[in-house]
């Protein structure tokens, strides 16, 4: 078995593709404006759990965004704070507001030690910290704010993609909704005593994502298949999504969660995209339908 893609990770230097070969791991940095191309080889294998190899080496479907077999997916979920299956983690947690585009804000929590990494992984264009404290206090605050502010704690990736072409150009405009909701959040009296409120410090990821002036997306790669080719110029990346501009002018999103577990080879002289692509139509840009 050769090197297989482990998906996309965000580091202080930007987006990186992770590669794994058994217990070994390496990363390759991605740069906007550069060509990105590969050929899909063989079968897609389970990506394992948190860097650990799947003991079965199970084959998984091409449309699975988790990239895991059922056994590994269950084990992963059993260790997940996001799935609310961990209650005794002693490290401090951060409560935050994240903005993905006009009318699209969520509340969430993440381990404070991860800094902005979790927000970059989610594709948050702007975020601000609300407070810090123990895990269960952060959980209670998240639920309080979700109800009081009328915002969700999850937003589908399809909805996030739909609003990226309509992002305001001025930083102040991008932060306006977060600013308003922050003021309402810290004014609430029901916060747990063990959660410390944070000052308002919005963080803008537009430049990190390369989204300024990015052309609108025309299609989304639905899955990878053995022998399929993907090639284009990387113009932006947000969360797990790579925005690729093809020679014919099309701009396609490659959700790198679909790449996990595949062995990829150099594209050679064959360009373009030969894997299934779903065209983005007007319905995909309906934000309200995407949220609920």
Protein backbone atom coordinates (compact mmCIF):
# COMPACT_ATOMS: atom_id res chain seq x y z
CA UNK A 1 0.00 0.00 0.00
CA UNK A 2 1.36 3.44 -0.96
CA UNK A 3 0.77 6.93 0.42
CA UNK A 4 -2.93 7.73 0.77
CA UNK A 5 -4.49 11.14 1.27
CA UNK A 6 -5.58 11.91 4.82
CA UNK A 7 -7.55 15.03 3.90
CA UNK A 8 -6.94 18.74 4.47
CA UNK A 9 -5.44 20.34 7.58
CA UNK A 10 -4.98 23.99 8.45
CA UNK A 11 -1.73 25.18 10.00
CA UNK A 12 -0.46 28.69 10.79
CA UNK A 13 1.07 28.69 7.30
CA UNK A 14 -2.16 27.83 5.50
CA UNK A 15 -3.85 24.77 4.03
CA UNK A 16 -1.98 21.46 3.73
CA UNK A 17 -2.81 18.04 2.34
CA UNK A 18 -2.03 15.18 4.73
CA UNK A 19 -0.56 11.90 3.42
CA UNK A 20 -0.33 8.63 5.33
CA UNK A 21 1.46 5.35 4.73
CA UNK A 22 0.73 3.04 7.63
CA UNK A 23 1.94 4.89 10.72
CA UNK A 24 3.96 7.46 8.75
CA UNK A 25 2.60 10.92 7.92
CA UNK A 26 3.75 13.82 5.77
CA UNK A 27 2.14 17.05 4.59
CA UNK A 28 2.27 19.13 1.43
CA UNK A 29 1.46 22.85 1.51
CA UNK A 30 -1.06 24.32 -0.92
CA UNK A 31 -0.53 27.68 -2.63
CA UNK A 32 -3.13 29.83 -4.36
CA UNK A 33 -2.53 30.42 -8.06
CA UNK A 34 -0.69 27.13 -8.57
CA UNK A 35 -1.87 24.18 -10.62
CA UNK A 36 -3.20 21.18 -8.72
CA UNK A 37 -3.75 17.87 -10.47
CA UNK A 38 -3.91 14.17 -9.72
CA UNK A 39 -5.12 10.77 -10.94
CA UNK A 40 -7.12 8.47 -8.65
CA UNK A 41 -5.68 4.98 -8.22
CA UNK A 42 -7.34 1.75 -7.04
CA UNK A 43 -9.87 1.46 -4.22
CA UNK A 44 -10.68 3.89 -1.45
CA UNK A 45 -9.67 2.54 1.95
CA UNK A 46 -10.93 3.51 5.42
CA UNK A 47 -9.01 6.51 6.79
CA UNK A 48 -8.94 5.02 10.30
CA UNK A 49 -9.41 6.96 13.54
CA UNK A 50 -7.41 10.06 14.46
CA UNK A 51 -4.27 8.99 12.63
CA UNK A 52 -4.57 5.30 13.58
CA UNK A 53 -4.74 2.77 10.73
CA UNK A 54 -8.01 0.88 10.20
CA UNK A 55 -7.26 -2.72 11.29
CA UNK A 56 -9.52 -4.10 8.55
CA UNK A 57 -8.22 -1.93 5.70
CA UNK A 58 -11.90 -1.69 4.74
CA UNK A 59 -13.07 -0.37 1.37
CA UNK A 60 -15.42 2.65 1.69
CA UNK A 61 -17.76 4.33 -0.77
CA UNK A 62 -16.69 7.25 -2.93
CA UNK A 63 -19.44 9.59 -1.68
CA UNK A 64 -18.70 9.16 2.04
CA UNK A 65 -17.49 12.46 3.53
CA UNK A 66 -16.32 10.64 6.65
CA UNK A 67 -14.09 8.25 4.70
CA UNK A 68 -14.43 5.63 7.45
CA UNK A 69 -15.80 2.13 7.78
CA UNK A 70 -18.72 1.72 10.26
CA UNK A 71 -16.47 0.37 13.05
CA UNK A 72 -13.97 3.23 12.83
CA UNK A 73 -16.78 5.80 12.53
CA UNK A 74 -18.36 4.50 15.76
CA UNK A 75 -15.01 4.58 17.58
CA UNK A 76 -14.32 8.10 16.33
CA UNK A 77 -17.72 9.32 17.48
CA UNK A 78 -17.21 7.75 20.93
CA UNK A 79 -14.21 10.05 21.43
CA UNK A 80 -15.82 13.18 20.00
CA UNK A 81 -16.55 16.37 21.91
CA UNK A 82 -18.62 17.55 18.94
CA UNK A 83 -20.83 14.47 19.27
CA UNK A 84 -21.26 15.21 22.99
CA UNK A 85 -19.77 11.84 23.98
CA UNK A 86 -16.91 13.30 26.08
CA UNK A 87 -17.77 14.96 29.38
CA UNK A 88 -14.57 14.81 31.45
CA UNK A 89 -11.96 16.60 29.34
CA UNK A 90 -10.03 18.79 31.83
CA UNK A 91 -8.62 21.30 29.33
CA UNK A 92 -10.28 24.74 28.95
CA UNK A 93 -12.76 25.28 26.13
CA UNK A 94 -13.65 28.34 24.10
CA UNK A 95 -17.19 29.40 23.16
CA UNK A 96 -17.34 31.29 19.87
CA UNK A 97 -19.56 32.89 17.24
CA UNK A 98 -18.71 32.04 13.61
CA UNK A 99 -19.92 33.90 10.50
CA UNK A 100 -19.90 32.19 7.09
CA UNK A 101 -21.71 34.80 5.02
CA UNK A 102 -24.75 37.09 5.07
CA UNK A 103 -27.41 35.72 7.41
CA UNK A 104 -25.35 32.68 8.40
CA UNK A 105 -23.96 32.63 11.95
CA UNK A 106 -23.48 29.72 14.37
CA UNK A 107 -22.39 29.26 17.96
CA UNK A 108 -19.91 26.55 18.91
CA UNK A 109 -17.17 25.39 21.25
CA UNK A 110 -13.61 24.16 20.71
CA UNK A 111 -10.61 23.36 22.87
CA UNK A 112 -8.82 26.62 23.61
CA UNK A 113 -5.46 25.06 22.72
CA UNK A 114 -6.56 24.67 19.12
CA UNK A 115 -6.78 28.42 18.60
CA UNK A 116 -8.25 29.33 15.21
CA UNK A 117 -7.69 25.86 13.72
CA UNK A 118 -11.23 24.65 14.34
CA UNK A 119 -12.69 27.78 12.77
CA UNK A 120 -10.46 27.46 9.70
CA UNK A 121 -11.53 23.81 9.35
CA UNK A 122 -15.18 24.88 9.43
CA UNK A 123 -14.71 27.60 6.82
CA UNK A 124 -15.64 30.46 9.18
CA UNK A 125 -14.96 33.75 7.37
CA UNK A 126 -15.21 35.77 10.62
CA UNK A 127 -15.33 34.61 14.22
CA UNK A 128 -15.03 36.01 17.72
CA UNK A 129 -14.46 34.36 21.07
CA UNK A 130 -17.26 34.73 23.60
CA UNK A 131 -15.73 33.09 26.65
CA UNK A 132 -13.58 30.32 28.09
CA UNK A 133 -14.02 27.75 30.84
CA UNK A 134 -14.57 24.06 31.63
CA UNK A 135 -16.12 21.80 28.99
CA UNK A 136 -19.54 21.36 30.60
CA UNK A 137 -19.85 25.09 31.33
CA UNK A 138 -18.97 25.79 27.71
CA UNK A 139 -21.61 23.26 26.63
CA UNK A 140 -24.30 24.94 28.78
CA UNK A 141 -23.34 28.34 27.42
CA UNK A 142 -23.51 27.07 23.85
CA UNK A 143 -27.06 25.83 24.42
CA UNK A 144 -28.04 29.07 26.16
CA UNK A 145 -26.78 31.19 23.27
CA UNK A 146 -28.24 28.92 20.61
CA UNK A 147 -31.69 29.44 22.11
CA UNK A 148 -31.38 33.09 23.15
CA UNK A 149 -29.80 34.32 19.91
CA UNK A 150 -31.77 32.06 17.59
CA UNK A 151 -28.65 30.71 15.86
CA UNK A 152 -27.77 27.07 15.08
CA UNK A 153 -24.80 25.08 16.36
CA UNK A 154 -24.29 23.45 12.95
CA UNK A 155 -24.35 24.74 9.37
CA UNK A 156 -24.19 22.38 6.34
CA UNK A 157 -21.15 22.79 4.10
CA UNK A 158 -23.40 23.17 1.04
CA UNK A 159 -24.98 26.24 2.63
CA UNK A 160 -21.57 27.75 3.43
CA UNK A 161 -20.45 27.32 -0.20
CA UNK A 162 -23.62 28.99 -1.45
CA UNK A 163 -22.86 32.34 0.21
CA UNK A 164 -19.13 32.66 -0.53
CA UNK A 165 -19.71 34.50 -3.82
CA UNK A 166 -21.71 37.19 -1.98
CA UNK A 167 -19.25 38.13 0.78
CA UNK A 168 -18.97 41.88 1.52
CA UNK A 169 -15.67 43.45 0.53
CA UNK A 170 -15.31 45.65 3.64
CA UNK A 171 -14.08 43.94 6.85
CA UNK A 172 -16.51 45.99 8.94
CA UNK A 173 -19.45 44.73 6.93
CA UNK A 174 -18.28 41.13 7.28
CA UNK A 175 -18.05 41.52 11.05
CA UNK A 176 -21.34 43.42 11.51
CA UNK A 177 -23.57 40.44 12.35
CA UNK A 178 -20.98 38.96 14.70
CA UNK A 179 -20.64 42.34 16.42
CA UNK A 180 -24.38 42.60 17.02
CA UNK A 181 -24.75 39.03 18.29
CA UNK A 182 -21.69 39.36 20.53
CA UNK A 183 -23.25 42.37 22.30
CA UNK A 184 -26.49 40.44 22.85
CA UNK A 185 -24.64 37.34 24.04
CA UNK A 186 -22.47 38.97 26.72
CA UNK A 187 -25.48 40.92 28.02
CA UNK A 188 -27.28 37.72 29.02
CA UNK A 189 -27.35 37.09 32.76
CA UNK A 190 -27.66 33.29 32.67
CA UNK A 191 -24.01 32.47 31.89
CA UNK A 192 -22.44 29.80 34.14
CA UNK A 193 -20.22 31.38 36.81
CA UNK A 194 -17.23 29.23 35.79
CA UNK A 195 -17.22 30.63 32.22
CA UNK A 196 -15.15 33.79 31.78
CA UNK A 197 -16.43 36.26 29.18
CA UNK A 198 -13.98 37.30 26.46
CA UNK A 199 -13.51 40.76 24.98
CA UNK A 200 -14.72 41.42 21.45
CA UNK A 201 -11.88 40.63 19.01
CA UNK A 202 -13.17 39.58 15.57
CA UNK A 203 -10.83 37.45 13.45
CA UNK A 204 -11.25 37.66 9.66
CA UNK A 205 -10.15 34.69 7.50
CA UNK A 206 -11.00 36.11 4.07
CA UNK A 207 -7.34 36.56 3.13
CA UNK A 208 -6.30 33.20 4.58
CA UNK A 209 -9.00 31.53 2.47
CA UNK A 210 -8.09 33.50 -0.67
CA UNK A 211 -11.75 34.40 -1.19
CA UNK A 212 -11.32 38.08 -2.18
CA UNK A 213 -12.57 38.39 -5.76
CA UNK A 214 -12.95 34.64 -6.16
CA UNK A 215 -15.20 33.72 -9.13
CA UNK A 216 -18.49 32.00 -8.22
CA UNK A 217 -18.53 28.22 -8.06
CA UNK A 218 -20.19 26.49 -11.02
CA UNK A 219 -19.96 22.88 -9.87
CA UNK A 220 -19.10 20.53 -7.01
CA UNK A 221 -17.16 17.29 -7.45
CA UNK A 222 -19.54 14.56 -6.31
CA UNK A 223 -17.05 11.72 -5.80
CA UNK A 224 -13.72 10.32 -6.93
CA UNK A 225 -13.44 7.12 -8.95
CA UNK A 226 -10.59 4.82 -9.92
CA UNK A 227 -8.77 6.26 -12.92
CA UNK A 228 -10.48 9.65 -12.65
CA UNK A 229 -8.54 12.88 -13.14
CA UNK A 230 -8.87 16.22 -11.32
CA UNK A 231 -6.88 19.23 -12.50
CA UNK A 232 -7.20 23.01 -12.14
CA UNK A 233 -5.70 26.15 -10.67
CA UNK A 234 -6.22 26.52 -6.92
CA UNK A 235 -7.90 29.90 -6.42
CA UNK A 236 -9.22 29.53 -2.86
CA UNK A 237 -9.68 27.13 0.04
CA UNK A 238 -12.19 27.33 2.89
CA UNK A 239 -12.77 24.65 5.47
CA UNK A 240 -12.33 21.32 3.65
CA UNK A 241 -13.14 22.86 0.25
CA UNK A 242 -10.64 23.56 -2.52
CA UNK A 243 -11.84 25.94 -5.26
CA UNK A 244 -10.29 24.91 -8.60
CA UNK A 245 -10.50 27.01 -11.77
CA UNK A 246 -10.41 24.77 -14.84
CA UNK A 247 -9.10 25.55 -18.32
CA UNK A 248 -12.67 25.96 -19.62
CA UNK A 249 -13.44 28.65 -17.02
CA UNK A 250 -15.49 26.43 -14.72
CA UNK A 251 -14.81 26.78 -11.00
CA UNK A 252 -15.28 23.50 -9.14
CA UNK A 253 -15.26 22.76 -5.44
CA UNK A 254 -13.37 19.67 -4.32
CA UNK A 255 -14.46 18.69 -0.81
CA UNK A 256 -11.26 17.10 0.49
CA UNK A 257 -13.28 14.93 2.88
CA UNK A 258 -14.04 12.92 -0.28
CA UNK A 259 -10.30 12.50 -0.94
CA UNK A 260 -9.45 10.80 2.37
CA UNK A 261 -8.41 7.19 1.87
CA UNK A 262 -7.58 7.41 -1.85
CA UNK A 263 -4.17 6.80 -3.36
CA UNK A 264 -3.41 9.67 -5.75
CA UNK A 265 -0.84 9.77 -8.53
CA UNK A 266 0.48 12.51 -10.81
CA UNK A 267 -2.06 13.51 -13.46
CA UNK A 268 0.44 13.22 -16.31
CA UNK A 269 -0.50 14.90 -19.58
CA UNK A 270 -4.23 14.38 -19.09
CA UNK A 271 -5.86 17.58 -17.85
CA UNK A 272 -9.37 18.55 -16.87
CA UNK A 273 -11.81 16.75 -14.62
CA UNK A 274 -13.11 13.28 -15.49
CA UNK A 275 -14.87 12.42 -12.21
CA UNK A 276 -18.60 13.00 -11.52
CA UNK A 277 -19.49 16.68 -11.04
CA UNK A 278 -22.75 18.12 -9.74
CA UNK A 279 -23.67 21.42 -11.35
CA UNK A 280 -24.48 24.27 -8.98
CA UNK A 281 -27.97 25.52 -9.77
CA UNK A 282 -30.09 28.31 -8.31
CA UNK A 283 -31.52 26.04 -5.60
CA UNK A 284 -28.04 25.44 -4.22
CA UNK A 285 -27.76 29.16 -3.48
CA UNK A 286 -30.92 29.30 -1.34
CA UNK A 287 -29.39 29.89 2.06
CA UNK A 288 -32.55 29.48 4.16
CA UNK A 289 -33.33 26.06 2.65
CA UNK A 290 -29.73 24.99 3.22
CA UNK A 291 -29.86 25.81 6.91
CA UNK A 292 -33.03 24.07 7.99
